[in-house]
Every structure is written in structure tokens, then in C-alpha cells.
Amino acid sequence: MYAALNTLARERDADGPLVTGPGHGTPANHANLWLEGTHEEYDPAHVRTGAGLRT
């Protein structure tokens, strides 16, 4: 779902919040944000290295 919405937002140059609930949704979104490098833009501690992954 995240990948599909992200693709749609990029195609339409749209901005909006990503709202997820507790449970498995939030960790999955954090993993996607880390993999694509977005996490590191907002929090330098989450660089795409082993140290950033552990953070």
C-alpha cells in the first residue's frame, strides 16, 4: 500500500501526511522510509548504514 500511494503522490506532485495506526503498520512504514532514504532527510541518526539501521 505504501509503495502504491508513494508512486501516486510522486506522479501527481502531491503532498500529504501518512497516518498509520499502532501495530505492524508503523514499523513497516519506518522500514520503507529508511530503505528509500527519506528517514535520513528528517533525522540524520537514521542514515542508510548499519548504525542507522540499528537506530
PDB file of N, CA and C in Angstrom:
ATOM      1  N   MET A   1       0.822  -1.177   0.000  1.00  0.00           N
ATOM      2  CA  MET A   1       0.000   0.000   0.000  1.00  0.00           C
ATOM      3  C   MET A   1       0.875   1.253   0.000  1.00  0.00           C
ATOM      4  N   TYR A   2       1.914   1.247   0.846  1.00  0.00           N
ATOM      5  CA  TYR A   2       2.792   2.418   0.914  1.00  0.00           C
ATOM      6  C   TYR A   2       3.414   2.710  -0.443  1.00  0.00           C
ATOM      7  N   ALA A   3       3.934   1.692  -1.094  1.00  0.00           N
ATOM      8  CA  ALA A   3       4.592   1.891  -2.386  1.00  0.00           C
ATOM      9  C   ALA A   3       3.623   2.443  -3.423  1.00  0.00           C
ATOM     10  N   ALA A   4       2.407   1.943  -3.447  1.00  0.00           N
ATOM     11  CA  ALA A   4       1.410   2.412  -4.409  1.00  0.00           C
ATOM     12  C   ALA A   4       1.035   3.869  -4.146  1.00  0.00           C
ATOM     13  N   LEU A   5       0.811   4.226  -2.889  1.00  0.00           N
ATOM     14  CA  LEU A   5       0.469   5.606  -2.563  1.00  0.00           C
ATOM     15  C   LEU A   5       1.642   6.546  -2.812  1.00  0.00           C
ATOM     16  N   ASN A   6       2.837   6.089  -2.516  1.00  0.00           N
ATOM     17  CA  ASN A   6       4.022   6.902  -2.751  1.00  0.00           C
ATOM     18  C   ASN A   6       4.203   7.172  -4.241  1.00  0.00           C
ATOM     19  N   THR A   7       4.003   6.158  -5.061  1.00  0.00           N
ATOM     20  CA  THR A   7       4.108   6.326  -6.509  1.00  0.00           C
ATOM     21  C   THR A   7       3.067   7.313  -7.011  1.00  0.00           C
ATOM     22  N   LEU A   8       1.846   7.182  -6.545  1.00  0.00           N
ATOM     23  CA  LEU A   8       0.774   8.089  -6.949  1.00  0.00           C
ATOM     24  C   LEU A   8       1.087   9.530  -6.524  1.00  0.00           C
ATOM     25  N   ALA A   9       1.573   9.712  -5.327  1.00  0.00           N
ATOM     26  CA  ALA A   9       1.903  11.054  -4.845  1.00  0.00           C
ATOM     27  C   ALA A   9       3.023  11.675  -5.666  1.00  0.00           C
ATOM     28  N   ARG A  10       4.014  10.887  -6.033  1.00  0.00           N
ATOM     29  CA  ARG A  10       5.118  11.412  -6.839  1.00  0.00           C
ATOM     30  C   ARG A  10       4.667  11.746  -8.251  1.00  0.00           C
ATOM     31  N   GLU A  11       3.825  10.909  -8.831  1.00  0.00           N
ATOM     32  CA  GLU A  11       3.330  11.172 -10.186  1.00  0.00           C
ATOM     33  C   GLU A  11       2.515  12.458 -10.255  1.00  0.00           C
ATOM     34  N   ARG A  12       1.785  12.761  -9.194  1.00  0.00           N
ATOM     35  CA  ARG A  12       0.904  13.936  -9.175  1.00  0.00           C
ATOM     36  C   ARG A  12       1.492  15.106  -8.401  1.00  0.00           C
ATOM     37  N   ASP A  13       2.746  14.974  -7.976  1.00  0.00           N
ATOM     38  CA  ASP A  13       3.423  16.003  -7.200  1.00  0.00           C
ATOM     39  C   ASP A  13       2.562  16.442  -6.014  1.00  0.00           C
ATOM     40  N   ALA A  14       2.030  15.471  -5.298  1.00  0.00           N
ATOM     41  CA  ALA A  14       1.130  15.730  -4.172  1.00  0.00           C
ATOM     42  C   ALA A  14       1.864  15.556  -2.848  1.00  0.00           C
ATOM     43  N   ASP A  15       1.459  16.327  -1.879  1.00  0.00           N
ATOM     44  CA  ASP A  15       1.973  16.207  -0.516  1.00  0.00           C
ATOM     45  C   ASP A  15       0.817  15.875   0.404  1.00  0.00           C
ATOM     46  N   GLY A  16       1.112  15.140   1.439  1.00  0.00           N
ATOM     47  CA  GLY A  16       0.083  14.823   2.422  1.00  0.00           C
ATOM     48  C   GLY A  16       0.664  13.991   3.536  1.00  0.00           C
ATOM     49  N   PRO A  17       0.005  13.958   4.646  1.00  0.00           N
ATOM     50  CA  PRO A  17       0.510  13.180   5.776  1.00  0.00           C
ATOM     51  C   PRO A  17       0.250  11.686   5.583  1.00  0.00           C
ATOM     52  N   LEU A  18       1.101  10.898   6.170  1.00  0.00           N
ATOM     53  CA  LEU A  18       0.910   9.451   6.197  1.00  0.00           C
ATOM     54  C   LEU A  18       0.493   9.095   7.612  1.00  0.00           C
ATOM     55  N   VAL A  19      -0.708   8.627   7.770  1.00  0.00           N
ATOM     56  CA  VAL A  19      -1.239   8.307   9.088  1.00  0.00           C
ATOM     57  C   VAL A  19      -1.376   6.792   9.199  1.00  0.00           C
ATOM     58  N   THR A  20      -0.735   6.222  10.208  1.00  0.00           N
ATOM     59  CA  THR A  20      -0.840   4.781  10.436  1.00  0.00           C
ATOM     60  C   THR A  20      -1.210   4.538  11.894  1.00  0.00           C
ATOM     61  N   GLY A  21      -1.738   3.393  12.134  1.00  0.00           N
ATOM     62  CA  GLY A  21      -2.127   3.042  13.493  1.00  0.00           C
ATOM     63  C   GLY A  21      -1.051   2.230  14.187  1.00  0.00           C
ATOM     64  N   PRO A  22      -1.323   1.827  15.412  1.00  0.00           N
ATOM     65  CA  PRO A  22      -0.361   1.023  16.142  1.00  0.00           C
ATOM     66  C   PRO A  22      -0.309  -0.398  15.566  1.00  0.00           C
ATOM     67  N   GLY A  23       0.669  -1.113  15.975  1.00  0.00           N
ATOM     68  CA  GLY A  23       0.788  -2.491  15.497  1.00  0.00           C
ATOM     69  C   GLY A  23       1.854  -2.601  14.418  1.00  0.00           C
ATOM     70  N   HIS A  24       1.581  -3.391  13.384  1.00  0.00           N
ATOM     71  CA  HIS A  24       2.576  -3.671  12.353  1.00  0.00           C
ATOM     72  C   HIS A  24       2.709  -2.555  11.328  1.00  0.00           C
ATOM     73  N   GLY A  25       1.729  -1.682  11.204  1.00  0.00           N
ATOM     74  CA  GLY A  25       1.747  -0.642  10.174  1.00  0.00           C
ATOM     75  C   GLY A  25       2.886   0.344  10.329  1.00  0.00           C
ATOM     76  N   THR A  26       3.076   0.852  11.517  1.00  0.00           N
ATOM     77  CA  THR A  26       4.102   1.865  11.725  1.00  0.00           C
ATOM     78  C   THR A  26       5.512   1.322  11.507  1.00  0.00           C
ATOM     79  N   PRO A  27       5.895   0.173  12.069  1.00  0.00           N
ATOM     80  CA  PRO A  27       7.238  -0.340  11.792  1.00  0.00           C
ATOM     81  C   PRO A  27       7.472  -0.627  10.305  1.00  0.00           C
ATOM     82  N   ALA A  28       6.451  -1.073   9.614  1.00  0.00           N
ATOM     83  CA  ALA A  28       6.596  -1.328   8.182  1.00  0.00           C
ATOM     84  C   ALA A  28       6.848  -0.028   7.434  1.00  0.00           C
ATOM     85  N   ASN A  29       6.146   1.034   7.794  1.00  0.00           N
ATOM     86  CA  ASN A  29       6.362   2.323   7.143  1.00  0.00           C
ATOM     87  C   ASN A  29       7.739   2.883   7.468  1.00  0.00           C
ATOM     88  N   HIS A  30       8.182   2.720   8.706  1.00  0.00           N
ATOM     89  CA  HIS A  30       9.530   3.178   9.063  1.00  0.00           C
ATOM     90  C   HIS A  30      10.578   2.427   8.246  1.00  0.00           C
ATOM     91  N   ALA A  31      10.385   1.146   8.038  1.00  0.00           N
ATOM     92  CA  ALA A  31      11.327   0.370   7.236  1.00  0.00           C
ATOM     93  C   ALA A  31      11.375   0.890   5.802  1.00  0.00           C
ATOM     94  N   ASN A  32      10.216   1.172   5.218  1.00  0.00           N
ATOM     95  CA  ASN A  32      10.178   1.713   3.857  1.00  0.00           C
ATOM     96  C   ASN A  32      10.847   3.083   3.784  1.00  0.00           C
ATOM     97  N   LEU A  33      10.582   3.940   4.753  1.00  0.00           N
ATOM     98  CA  LEU A  33      11.188   5.271   4.766  1.00  0.00           C
ATOM     99  C   LEU A  33      12.706   5.184   4.896  1.00  0.00           C
ATOM    100  N   TRP A  34      13.180   4.240   5.696  1.00  0.00           N
ATOM    101  CA  TRP A  34      14.623   4.074   5.845  1.00  0.00           C
ATOM    102  C   TRP A  34      15.238   3.548   4.548  1.00  0.00           C
ATOM    103  N   LEU A  35      14.584   2.562   3.927  1.00  0.00           N
ATOM    104  CA  LEU A  35      15.122   1.973   2.697  1.00  0.00           C
ATOM    105  C   LEU A  35      15.214   2.985   1.563  1.00  0.00           C
ATOM    106  N   GLU A  36      14.244   3.883   1.449  1.00  0.00           N
ATOM    107  CA  GLU A  36      14.272   4.854   0.359  1.00  0.00           C
ATOM    108  C   GLU A  36      15.080   6.100   0.700  1.00  0.00           C
ATOM    109  N   GLY A  37      15.547   6.237   1.947  1.00  0.00           N
ATOM    110  CA  GLY A  37      16.399   7.347   2.336  1.00  0.00           C
ATOM    111  C   GLY A  37      15.663   8.560   2.891  1.00  0.00           C
ATOM    112  N   THR A  38      14.343   8.501   2.957  1.00  0.00           N
ATOM    113  CA  THR A  38      13.574   9.637   3.451  1.00  0.00           C
ATOM    114  C   THR A  38      13.813   9.880   4.932  1.00  0.00           C
ATOM    115  N   HIS A  39      13.961   8.817   5.697  1.00  0.00           N
ATOM    116  CA  HIS A  39      14.172   8.951   7.146  1.00  0.00           C
ATOM    117  C   HIS A  39      15.375   9.840   7.439  1.00  0.00           C
ATOM    118  N   GLU A  40      16.436   9.616   6.683  1.00  0.00           N
ATOM    119  CA  GLU A  40      17.681  10.333   6.933  1.00  0.00           C
ATOM    120  C   GLU A  40      17.558  11.833   6.612  1.00  0.00           C
ATOM    121  N   GLU A  41      16.646  12.215   5.718  1.00  0.00           N
ATOM    122  CA  GLU A  41      16.431  13.632   5.416  1.00  0.00           C
ATOM    123  C   GLU A  41      15.908  14.386   6.641  1.00  0.00           C
ATOM    124  N   TYR A  42      15.106  13.720   7.444  1.00  0.00           N
ATOM    125  CA  TYR A  42      14.485  14.363   8.593  1.00  0.00           C
ATOM    126  C   TYR A  42      15.190  14.072   9.910  1.00  0.00           C
ATOM    127  N   ASP A  43      15.942  12.990   9.965  1.00  0.00           N
ATOM    128  CA  ASP A  43      16.664  12.636  11.186  1.00  0.00           C
ATOM    129  C   ASP A  43      18.006  12.016  10.795  1.00  0.00           C
ATOM    130  N   PRO A  44      19.096  12.780  10.892  1.00  0.00           N
ATOM    131  CA  PRO A  44      20.407  12.296  10.471  1.00  0.00           C
ATOM    132  C   PRO A  44      20.873  11.029  11.183  1.00  0.00           C
ATOM    133  N   ALA A  45      20.261  10.691  12.306  1.00  0.00           N
ATOM    134  CA  ALA A  45      20.643   9.461  13.012  1.00  0.00           C
ATOM    135  C   ALA A  45      20.222   8.218  12.231  1.00  0.00           C
ATOM    136  N   HIS A  46      19.310   8.370  11.285  1.00  0.00           N
ATOM    137  CA  HIS A  46      18.796   7.229  10.521  1.00  0.00           C
ATOM    138  C   HIS A  46      19.445   7.119   9.141  1.00  0.00           C
ATOM    139  N   VAL A  47      20.745   7.315   9.075  1.00  0.00           N
ATOM    140  CA  VAL A  47      21.460   7.183   7.803  1.00  0.00           C
ATOM    141  C   VAL A  47      21.369   5.747   7.312  1.00  0.00           C
ATOM    142  N   ARG A  48      21.566   5.549   6.032  1.00  0.00           N
ATOM    143  CA  ARG A  48      21.440   4.210   5.450  1.00  0.00           C
ATOM    144  C   ARG A  48      22.753   3.435   5.593  1.00  0.00           C
ATOM    145  N   THR A  49      23.105   3.197   6.839  1.00  0.00           N
ATOM    146  CA  THR A  49      24.268   2.398   7.197  1.00  0.00           C
ATOM    147  C   THR A  49      23.842   1.425   8.282  1.00  0.00           C
ATOM    148  N   GLY A  50      24.749   0.587   8.698  1.00  0.00           N
ATOM    149  CA  GLY A  50      24.437  -0.338   9.783  1.00  0.00           C
ATOM    150  C   GLY A  50      24.063   0.396  11.065  1.00  0.00           C
ATOM    151  N   ALA A  51      24.786   1.505  11.340  1.00  0.00           N
ATOM    152  CA  ALA A  51      24.476   2.282  12.549  1.00  0.00           C
ATOM    153  C   ALA A  51      23.078   2.903  12.453  1.00  0.00           C
ATOM    154  N   GLY A  52      22.717   3.421  11.286  1.00  0.00           N
ATOM    155  CA  GLY A  52      21.394   3.997  11.102  1.00  0.00           C
ATOM    156  C   GLY A  52      20.306   2.956  11.201  1.00  0.00           C
ATOM    157  N   LEU A  53      20.594   1.764  10.729  1.00  0.00           N
ATOM    158  CA  LEU A  53      19.615   0.667  10.825  1.00  0.00           C
ATOM    159  C   LEU A  53      19.385   0.296  12.292  1.00  0.00           C
ATOM    160  N   ARG A  54      20.435   0.249  13.072  1.00  0.00           N
ATOM    161  CA  ARG A  54      20.292  -0.082  14.485  1.00  0.00           C
ATOM    162  C   ARG A  54      19.502   1.001  15.224  1.00  0.00           C
ATOM    163  N   THR A  55      19.619   2.242  14.789  1.00  0.00           N
ATOM    164  CA  THR A  55      18.878   3.340  15.424  1.00  0.00           C
ATOM    165  C   THR A  55      17.402   3.131  15.213  1.00  0.00           C
TER     166      THR A  55
END
